[in-house]
Amino acid sequence: MKSFLEEYGLIIVAAIVVLAVIVFASQFSDKIVDAIGNLIDTFTNQTKGILTPSAGGGGAGA
């Protein structure tokens, strides 16, 4: 049994961690997607004047 755990222990632990991440993501996916959407909307609204090019379209060489 000891040699089995030495050989495959890390794989078992990694599988458990991956399973935990999948369960966490499935439980909170809607909240995470909404939070990311709200964050992007807030960023877009706060930087609208910076990111929107001017009407003239002039650049550094114009």
Protein backbone atom coordinates (compact mmCIF):
# COMPACT_ATOMS: atom_id res chain seq x y z
CA MET A 1 0.00 0.00 0.00
CA LYS A 2 2.86 2.37 0.80
CA SER A 3 4.46 1.86 -2.59
CA PHE A 4 1.09 2.40 -4.28
CA LEU A 5 0.67 5.77 -2.55
CA GLU A 6 4.24 6.72 -3.37
CA GLU A 7 3.63 5.92 -7.03
CA TYR A 8 0.12 7.31 -7.48
CA GLY A 9 -0.39 9.67 -4.53
CA LEU A 10 0.28 12.85 -6.47
CA ILE A 11 -2.07 11.79 -9.25
CA ILE A 12 -4.82 11.06 -6.74
CA VAL A 13 -4.36 14.42 -5.00
CA ALA A 14 -4.36 16.24 -8.35
CA ALA A 15 -7.56 14.46 -9.39
CA ILE A 16 -9.24 15.45 -6.11
CA VAL A 17 -8.18 19.09 -6.57
CA VAL A 18 -9.45 19.15 -10.16
CA LEU A 19 -12.75 17.63 -9.04
CA ALA A 20 -13.07 20.26 -6.29
CA VAL A 21 -12.47 23.06 -8.81
CA ILE A 22 -15.09 21.61 -11.16
CA VAL A 23 -17.66 21.37 -8.34
CA PHE A 24 -16.88 24.92 -7.20
CA ALA A 25 -17.19 26.29 -10.73
CA SER A 26 -20.48 24.49 -11.35
CA GLN A 27 -21.97 25.82 -8.12
CA PHE A 28 -20.95 29.45 -8.63
CA SER A 29 -20.73 29.77 -12.42
CA ASP A 30 -23.72 32.10 -12.78
CA LYS A 31 -22.43 34.44 -10.09
CA ILE A 32 -18.93 34.42 -11.55
CA VAL A 33 -20.20 35.20 -15.07
CA ASP A 34 -22.39 38.03 -13.75
CA ALA A 35 -19.52 39.47 -11.71
CA ILE A 36 -17.16 39.44 -14.70
CA GLY A 37 -19.84 41.05 -16.89
CA ASN A 38 -20.44 43.78 -14.33
CA LEU A 39 -16.70 44.37 -14.03
CA ILE A 40 -16.34 44.74 -17.79
CA ASP A 41 -19.34 47.09 -17.95
CA THR A 42 -17.93 49.24 -15.16
CA PHE A 43 -14.52 49.36 -16.82
CA THR A 44 -16.06 50.25 -20.18
CA ASN A 45 -18.21 53.01 -18.69
CA GLN A 46 -15.35 54.53 -16.71
CA THR A 47 -12.90 54.52 -19.61
CA LYS A 48 -15.29 55.49 -22.41
CA GLY A 49 -13.67 58.91 -22.91
CA ILE A 50 -10.20 57.42 -23.01
CA LEU A 51 -10.89 54.49 -25.31
CA THR A 52 -13.20 56.21 -27.82
CA PRO A 53 -11.20 57.86 -30.63
CA SER A 54 -11.87 61.50 -31.39
CA ALA A 55 -14.19 62.45 -34.27
CA GLY A 56 -11.32 63.77 -36.41
CA GLY A 57 -9.56 60.45 -36.49
CA GLY A 58 -6.22 62.22 -36.37
CA GLY A 59 -3.26 60.36 -35.05
CA ALA A 60 0.29 61.27 -34.16
CA GLY A 61 1.28 61.96 -37.75
CA ALA A 62 -1.84 63.86 -38.85
